[in-house]
Amino acid sequence: MKKFKLQGIEFRISSFSNVDPVPFCVAVGQAQDGSVVVRHSQDSDPAKSLTFTKKEWKAFVKGVKANEFDF
């Protein structure tokens, strides 16, 4: 897992998100207020980030683990 800081937030990138030949990566970090910020690892424009409350993020992770988003 790769880590880097941007605007005071430590972001993490899963090694699973860097698959050749298309190395697009999703970075996830936690802001000081507890919200979760999701962004493209190669685009540092904060206007292109998504921010979720802790409650929203927990609901999303729970849905992923329950396979709610499988196609």
PDB file of N, CA and C in Angstrom:
ATOM      1  N   MET A   1       0.843  -1.164   0.000  1.00  0.00           N
ATOM      2  CA  MET A   1       0.000   0.000   0.000  1.00  0.00           C
ATOM      3  C   MET A   1       0.893   1.233   0.000  1.00  0.00           C
ATOM      4  N   LYS A   2       0.652   2.109  -0.960  1.00  0.00           N
ATOM      5  CA  LYS A   2       1.410   3.349  -1.096  1.00  0.00           C
ATOM      6  C   LYS A   2       0.708   4.457  -0.308  1.00  0.00           C
ATOM      7  N   LYS A   3       1.478   5.343   0.312  1.00  0.00           N
ATOM      8  CA  LYS A   3       0.919   6.455   1.074  1.00  0.00           C
ATOM      9  C   LYS A   3       1.542   7.763   0.602  1.00  0.00           C
ATOM     10  N   PHE A   4       0.749   8.845   0.622  1.00  0.00           N
ATOM     11  CA  PHE A   4       1.277  10.167   0.351  1.00  0.00           C
ATOM     12  C   PHE A   4       0.367  11.200   1.007  1.00  0.00           C
ATOM     13  N   LYS A   5       0.901  12.399   1.233  1.00  0.00           N
ATOM     14  CA  LYS A   5       0.124  13.464   1.881  1.00  0.00           C
ATOM     15  C   LYS A   5      -0.176  14.563   0.868  1.00  0.00           C
ATOM     16  N   LEU A   6      -1.376  15.109   0.985  1.00  0.00           N
ATOM     17  CA  LEU A   6      -1.794  16.229   0.166  1.00  0.00           C
ATOM     18  C   LEU A   6      -2.747  17.073   0.981  1.00  0.00           C
ATOM     19  N   GLN A   7      -2.490  18.346   1.073  1.00  0.00           N
ATOM     20  CA  GLN A   7      -3.334  19.274   1.828  1.00  0.00           C
ATOM     21  C   GLN A   7      -3.568  18.789   3.264  1.00  0.00           C
ATOM     22  N   GLY A   8      -2.538  18.218   3.867  1.00  0.00           N
ATOM     23  CA  GLY A   8      -2.626  17.769   5.249  1.00  0.00           C
ATOM     24  C   GLY A   8      -3.340  16.447   5.448  1.00  0.00           C
ATOM     25  N   ILE A   9      -3.761  15.806   4.369  1.00  0.00           N
ATOM     26  CA  ILE A   9      -4.454  14.518   4.465  1.00  0.00           C
ATOM     27  C   ILE A   9      -3.526  13.424   3.958  1.00  0.00           C
ATOM     28  N   GLU A  10      -3.369  12.366   4.748  1.00  0.00           N
ATOM     29  CA  GLU A  10      -2.568  11.227   4.307  1.00  0.00           C
ATOM     30  C   GLU A  10      -3.469  10.301   3.500  1.00  0.00           C
ATOM     31  N   PHE A  11      -3.141  10.144   2.227  1.00  0.00           N
ATOM     32  CA  PHE A  11      -3.905   9.282   1.338  1.00  0.00           C
ATOM     33  C   PHE A  11      -3.235   7.926   1.211  1.00  0.00           C
ATOM     34  N   ARG A  12      -4.056   6.918   0.977  1.00  0.00           N
ATOM     35  CA  ARG A  12      -3.565   5.559   0.760  1.00  0.00           C
ATOM     36  C   ARG A  12      -4.049   5.079  -0.602  1.00  0.00           C
ATOM     37  N   ILE A  13      -3.187   4.341  -1.276  1.00  0.00           N
ATOM     38  CA  ILE A  13      -3.528   3.756  -2.566  1.00  0.00           C
ATOM     39  C   ILE A  13      -3.330   2.254  -2.459  1.00  0.00           C
ATOM     40  N   SER A  14      -4.366   1.502  -2.731  1.00  0.00           N
ATOM     41  CA  SER A  14      -4.267   0.052  -2.691  1.00  0.00           C
ATOM     42  C   SER A  14      -3.398  -0.447  -3.840  1.00  0.00           C
ATOM     43  N   SER A  15      -2.627  -1.471  -3.594  1.00  0.00           N
ATOM     44  CA  SER A  15      -1.818  -2.067  -4.660  1.00  0.00           C
ATOM     45  C   SER A  15      -2.706  -2.715  -5.713  1.00  0.00           C
ATOM     46  N   PHE A  16      -3.952  -3.011  -5.386  1.00  0.00           N
ATOM     47  CA  PHE A  16      -4.885  -3.602  -6.340  1.00  0.00           C
ATOM     48  C   PHE A  16      -5.354  -2.591  -7.385  1.00  0.00           C
ATOM     49  N   SER A  17      -5.209  -1.302  -7.121  1.00  0.00           N
ATOM     50  CA  SER A  17      -5.703  -0.300  -8.058  1.00  0.00           C
ATOM     51  C   SER A  17      -4.673   0.082  -9.111  1.00  0.00           C
ATOM     52  N   ASN A  18      -3.502  -0.498  -9.063  1.00  0.00           N
ATOM     53  CA  ASN A  18      -2.459  -0.198 -10.046  1.00  0.00           C
ATOM     54  C   ASN A  18      -2.200  -1.436 -10.894  1.00  0.00           C
ATOM     55  N   VAL A  19      -3.090  -1.660 -11.846  1.00  0.00           N
ATOM     56  CA  VAL A  19      -3.006  -2.856 -12.692  1.00  0.00           C
ATOM     57  C   VAL A  19      -2.619  -2.443 -14.105  1.00  0.00           C
ATOM     58  N   ASP A  20      -1.571  -3.057 -14.645  1.00  0.00           N
ATOM     59  CA  ASP A  20      -1.149  -2.763 -16.020  1.00  0.00           C
ATOM     60  C   ASP A  20      -2.177  -3.316 -16.985  1.00  0.00           C
ATOM     61  N   PRO A  21      -2.387  -2.734 -18.110  1.00  0.00           N
ATOM     62  CA  PRO A  21      -1.669  -1.596 -18.687  1.00  0.00           C
ATOM     63  C   PRO A  21      -2.282  -0.248 -18.330  1.00  0.00           C
ATOM     64  N   VAL A  22      -3.299  -0.221 -17.498  1.00  0.00           N
ATOM     65  CA  VAL A  22      -3.986   1.032 -17.156  1.00  0.00           C
ATOM     66  C   VAL A  22      -3.787   1.339 -15.674  1.00  0.00           C
ATOM     67  N   PRO A  23      -2.761   2.119 -15.332  1.00  0.00           N
ATOM     68  CA  PRO A  23      -2.461   2.384 -13.920  1.00  0.00           C
ATOM     69  C   PRO A  23      -3.280   3.529 -13.311  1.00  0.00           C
ATOM     70  N   PHE A  24      -4.597   3.409 -13.333  1.00  0.00           N
ATOM     71  CA  PHE A  24      -5.437   4.416 -12.698  1.00  0.00           C
ATOM     72  C   PHE A  24      -5.637   4.023 -11.247  1.00  0.00           C
ATOM     73  N   CYS A  25      -5.438   4.951 -10.360  1.00  0.00           N
ATOM     74  CA  CYS A  25      -5.483   4.634  -8.934  1.00  0.00           C
ATOM     75  C   CYS A  25      -6.467   5.523  -8.194  1.00  0.00           C
ATOM     76  N   VAL A  26      -7.152   4.929  -7.263  1.00  0.00           N
ATOM     77  CA  VAL A  26      -8.040   5.665  -6.379  1.00  0.00           C
ATOM     78  C   VAL A  26      -7.305   5.843  -5.061  1.00  0.00           C
ATOM     79  N   ALA A  27      -7.300   7.071  -4.567  1.00  0.00           N
ATOM     80  CA  ALA A  27      -6.654   7.378  -3.299  1.00  0.00           C
ATOM     81  C   ALA A  27      -7.728   7.747  -2.281  1.00  0.00           C
ATOM     82  N   VAL A  28      -7.565   7.240  -1.059  1.00  0.00           N
ATOM     83  CA  VAL A  28      -8.531   7.489   0.009  1.00  0.00           C
ATOM     84  C   VAL A  28      -7.789   8.028   1.220  1.00  0.00           C
ATOM     85  N   GLY A  29      -8.341   9.069   1.815  1.00  0.00           N
ATOM     86  CA  GLY A  29      -7.726   9.660   2.999  1.00  0.00           C
ATOM     87  C   GLY A  29      -8.784  10.155   3.968  1.00  0.00           C
ATOM     88  N   GLN A  30      -8.356  10.392   5.204  1.00  0.00           N
ATOM     89  CA  GLN A  30      -9.278  10.884   6.226  1.00  0.00           C
ATOM     90  C   GLN A  30      -8.877  12.294   6.624  1.00  0.00           C
ATOM     91  N   ALA A  31      -9.846  13.218   6.520  1.00  0.00           N
ATOM     92  CA  ALA A  31      -9.608  14.612   6.900  1.00  0.00           C
ATOM     93  C   ALA A  31      -9.632  14.742   8.421  1.00  0.00           C
ATOM     94  N   GLN A  32      -9.185  15.874   8.919  1.00  0.00           N
ATOM     95  CA  GLN A  32      -9.128  16.092  10.365  1.00  0.00           C
ATOM     96  C   GLN A  32     -10.501  16.042  11.020  1.00  0.00           C
ATOM     97  N   ASP A  33     -11.545  16.384  10.270  1.00  0.00           N
ATOM     98  CA  ASP A  33     -12.895  16.352  10.839  1.00  0.00           C
ATOM     99  C   ASP A  33     -13.518  14.959  10.806  1.00  0.00           C
ATOM    100  N   GLY A  34     -12.763  13.970  10.318  1.00  0.00           N
ATOM    101  CA  GLY A  34     -13.240  12.588  10.282  1.00  0.00           C
ATOM    102  C   GLY A  34     -13.875  12.196   8.974  1.00  0.00           C
ATOM    103  N   SER A  35     -14.111  13.158   8.079  1.00  0.00           N
ATOM    104  CA  SER A  35     -14.698  12.820   6.787  1.00  0.00           C
ATOM    105  C   SER A  35     -13.673  12.062   5.940  1.00  0.00           C
ATOM    106  N   VAL A  36     -14.173  11.334   4.956  1.00  0.00           N
ATOM    107  CA  VAL A  36     -13.317  10.534   4.086  1.00  0.00           C
ATOM    108  C   VAL A  36     -13.273  11.200   2.713  1.00  0.00           C
ATOM    109  N   VAL A  37     -12.066  11.390   2.201  1.00  0.00           N
ATOM    110  CA  VAL A  37     -11.860  12.043   0.911  1.00  0.00           C
ATOM    111  C   VAL A  37     -11.360  11.001  -0.079  1.00  0.00           C
ATOM    112  N   VAL A  38     -12.001  10.959  -1.256  1.00  0.00           N
ATOM    113  CA  VAL A  38     -11.631  10.019  -2.312  1.00  0.00           C
ATOM    114  C   VAL A  38     -11.252  10.835  -3.540  1.00  0.00           C
ATOM    115  N   ARG A  39     -10.131  10.469  -4.163  1.00  0.00           N
ATOM    116  CA  ARG A  39      -9.671  11.210  -5.337  1.00  0.00           C
ATOM    117  C   ARG A  39      -8.837  10.318  -6.235  1.00  0.00           C
ATOM    118  N   HIS A  40      -8.585  10.789  -7.433  1.00  0.00           N
ATOM    119  CA  HIS A  40      -7.674  10.102  -8.348  1.00  0.00           C
ATOM    120  C   HIS A  40      -6.264  10.395  -7.858  1.00  0.00           C
ATOM    121  N   SER A  41      -5.436   9.390  -7.804  1.00  0.00           N
ATOM    122  CA  SER A  41      -4.099   9.574  -7.233  1.00  0.00           C
ATOM    123  C   SER A  41      -3.214  10.506  -8.048  1.00  0.00           C
ATOM    124  N   GLN A  42      -3.517  10.674  -9.323  1.00  0.00           N
ATOM    125  CA  GLN A  42      -2.661  11.499 -10.170  1.00  0.00           C
ATOM    126  C   GLN A  42      -3.256  12.880 -10.438  1.00  0.00           C
ATOM    127  N   ASP A  43      -4.343  13.232  -9.768  1.00  0.00           N
ATOM    128  CA  ASP A  43      -4.968  14.534  -9.953  1.00  0.00           C
ATOM    129  C   ASP A  43      -5.170  15.184  -8.593  1.00  0.00           C
ATOM    130  N   SER A  44      -4.371  16.183  -8.292  1.00  0.00           N
ATOM    131  CA  SER A  44      -4.396  16.795  -6.962  1.00  0.00           C
ATOM    132  C   SER A  44      -5.397  17.947  -6.839  1.00  0.00           C
ATOM    133  N   ASP A  45      -6.228  18.176  -7.843  1.00  0.00           N
ATOM    134  CA  ASP A  45      -7.215  19.257  -7.796  1.00  0.00           C
ATOM    135  C   ASP A  45      -8.291  18.913  -6.766  1.00  0.00           C
ATOM    136  N   PRO A  46      -8.365  19.661  -5.649  1.00  0.00           N
ATOM    137  CA  PRO A  46      -9.345  19.338  -4.611  1.00  0.00           C
ATOM    138  C   PRO A  46     -10.790  19.444  -5.102  1.00  0.00           C
ATOM    139  N   ALA A  47     -11.023  20.216  -6.153  1.00  0.00           N
ATOM    140  CA  ALA A  47     -12.379  20.339  -6.690  1.00  0.00           C
ATOM    141  C   ALA A  47     -12.863  19.035  -7.317  1.00  0.00           C
ATOM    142  N   LYS A  48     -11.938  18.138  -7.626  1.00  0.00           N
ATOM    143  CA  LYS A  48     -12.298  16.860  -8.242  1.00  0.00           C
ATOM    144  C   LYS A  48     -12.357  15.728  -7.223  1.00  0.00           C
ATOM    145  N   SER A  49     -12.242  16.050  -5.952  1.00  0.00           N
ATOM    146  CA  SER A  49     -12.316  15.044  -4.886  1.00  0.00           C
ATOM    147  C   SER A  49     -13.760  14.857  -4.447  1.00  0.00           C
ATOM    148  N   LEU A  50     -14.048  13.689  -3.929  1.00  0.00           N
ATOM    149  CA  LEU A  50     -15.346  13.409  -3.331  1.00  0.00           C
ATOM    150  C   LEU A  50     -15.154  13.308  -1.829  1.00  0.00           C
ATOM    151  N   THR A  51     -16.052  13.905  -1.064  1.00  0.00           N
ATOM    152  CA  THR A  51     -15.960  13.865   0.388  1.00  0.00           C
ATOM    153  C   THR A  51     -17.217  13.220   0.955  1.00  0.00           C
ATOM    154  N   PHE A  52     -17.012  12.281   1.883  1.00  0.00           N
ATOM    155  CA  PHE A  52     -18.104  11.540   2.502  1.00  0.00           C
ATOM    156  C   PHE A  52     -18.016  11.668   4.017  1.00  0.00           C
ATOM    157  N   THR A  53     -19.150  11.662   4.681  1.00  0.00           N
ATOM    158  CA  THR A  53     -19.145  11.621   6.141  1.00  0.00           C
ATOM    159  C   THR A  53     -18.703  10.225   6.563  1.00  0.00           C
ATOM    160  N   LYS A  54     -18.336  10.082   7.831  1.00  0.00           N
ATOM    161  CA  LYS A  54     -17.950   8.754   8.336  1.00  0.00           C
ATOM    162  C   LYS A  54     -19.106   7.766   8.165  1.00  0.00           C
ATOM    163  N   LYS A  55     -20.329   8.236   8.420  1.00  0.00           N
ATOM    164  CA  LYS A  55     -21.502   7.371   8.311  1.00  0.00           C
ATOM    165  C   LYS A  55     -21.714   6.917   6.854  1.00  0.00           C
ATOM    166  N   GLU A  56     -21.568   7.821   5.911  1.00  0.00           N
ATOM    167  CA  GLU A  56     -21.716   7.465   4.495  1.00  0.00           C
ATOM    168  C   GLU A  56     -20.650   6.462   4.072  1.00  0.00           C
ATOM    169  N   TRP A  57     -19.402   6.702   4.523  1.00  0.00           N
ATOM    170  CA  TRP A  57     -18.301   5.803   4.141  1.00  0.00           C
ATOM    171  C   TRP A  57     -18.508   4.408   4.728  1.00  0.00           C
ATOM    172  N   LYS A  58     -18.928   4.344   5.988  1.00  0.00           N
ATOM    173  CA  LYS A  58     -19.178   3.036   6.611  1.00  0.00           C
ATOM    174  C   LYS A  58     -20.275   2.288   5.869  1.00  0.00           C
ATOM    175  N   ALA A  59     -21.323   2.996   5.431  1.00  0.00           N
ATOM    176  CA  ALA A  59     -22.403   2.356   4.680  1.00  0.00           C
ATOM    177  C   ALA A  59     -21.885   1.844   3.337  1.00  0.00           C
ATOM    178  N   PHE A  60     -21.023   2.600   2.686  1.00  0.00           N
ATOM    179  CA  PHE A  60     -20.441   2.173   1.416  1.00  0.00           C
ATOM    180  C   PHE A  60     -19.587   0.923   1.597  1.00  0.00           C
ATOM    181  N   VAL A  61     -18.698   0.944   2.577  1.00  0.00           N
ATOM    182  CA  VAL A  61     -17.824  -0.213   2.828  1.00  0.00           C
ATOM    183  C   VAL A  61     -18.661  -1.443   3.174  1.00  0.00           C
ATOM    184  N   LYS A  62     -19.688  -1.259   3.974  1.00  0.00           N
ATOM    185  CA  LYS A  62     -20.573  -2.378   4.318  1.00  0.00           C
ATOM    186  C   LYS A  62     -21.222  -2.939   3.053  1.00  0.00           C
ATOM    187  N   GLY A  63     -21.663  -2.071   2.148  1.00  0.00           N
ATOM    188  CA  GLY A  63     -22.260  -2.521   0.896  1.00  0.00           C
ATOM    189  C   GLY A  63     -21.272  -3.265   0.014  1.00  0.00           C
ATOM    190  N   VAL A  64     -20.031  -2.798  -0.023  1.00  0.00           N
ATOM    191  CA  VAL A  64     -18.995  -3.485  -0.811  1.00  0.00           C
ATOM    192  C   VAL A  64     -18.775  -4.888  -0.265  1.00  0.00           C
ATOM    193  N   LYS A  65     -18.653  -4.990   1.045  1.00  0.00           N
ATOM    194  CA  LYS A  65     -18.419  -6.297   1.669  1.00  0.00           C
ATOM    195  C   LYS A  65     -19.592  -7.250   1.475  1.00  0.00           C
ATOM    196  N   ALA A  66     -20.804  -6.699   1.300  1.00  0.00           N
ATOM    197  CA  ALA A  66     -21.998  -7.526   1.105  1.00  0.00           C
ATOM    198  C   ALA A  66     -22.283  -7.772  -0.380  1.00  0.00           C
ATOM    199  N   ASN A  67     -21.345  -7.381  -1.247  1.00  0.00           N
ATOM    200  CA  ASN A  67     -21.479  -7.568  -2.691  1.00  0.00           C
ATOM    201  C   ASN A  67     -22.687  -6.853  -3.287  1.00  0.00           C
ATOM    202  N   GLU A  68     -23.098  -5.753  -2.686  1.00  0.00           N
ATOM    203  CA  GLU A  68     -24.243  -4.997  -3.196  1.00  0.00           C
ATOM    204  C   GLU A  68     -23.966  -4.299  -4.516  1.00  0.00           C
ATOM    205  N   PHE A  69     -22.708  -4.124  -4.866  1.00  0.00           N
ATOM    206  CA  PHE A  69     -22.366  -3.377  -6.070  1.00  0.00           C
ATOM    207  C   PHE A  69     -21.855  -4.266  -7.198  1.00  0.00           C
ATOM    208  N   ASP A  70     -21.996  -5.564  -7.064  1.00  0.00           N
ATOM    209  CA  ASP A  70     -21.560  -6.470  -8.126  1.00  0.00           C
ATOM    210  C   ASP A  70     -22.511  -6.361  -9.319  1.00  0.00           C
ATOM    211  N   PHE A  71     -21.934  -6.415 -10.501  1.00  0.00           N
ATOM    212  CA  PHE A  71     -22.736  -6.354 -11.723  1.00  0.00           C
ATOM    213  C   PHE A  71     -23.020  -7.747 -12.207  1.00  0.00           C
TER     214      PHE A  71
END
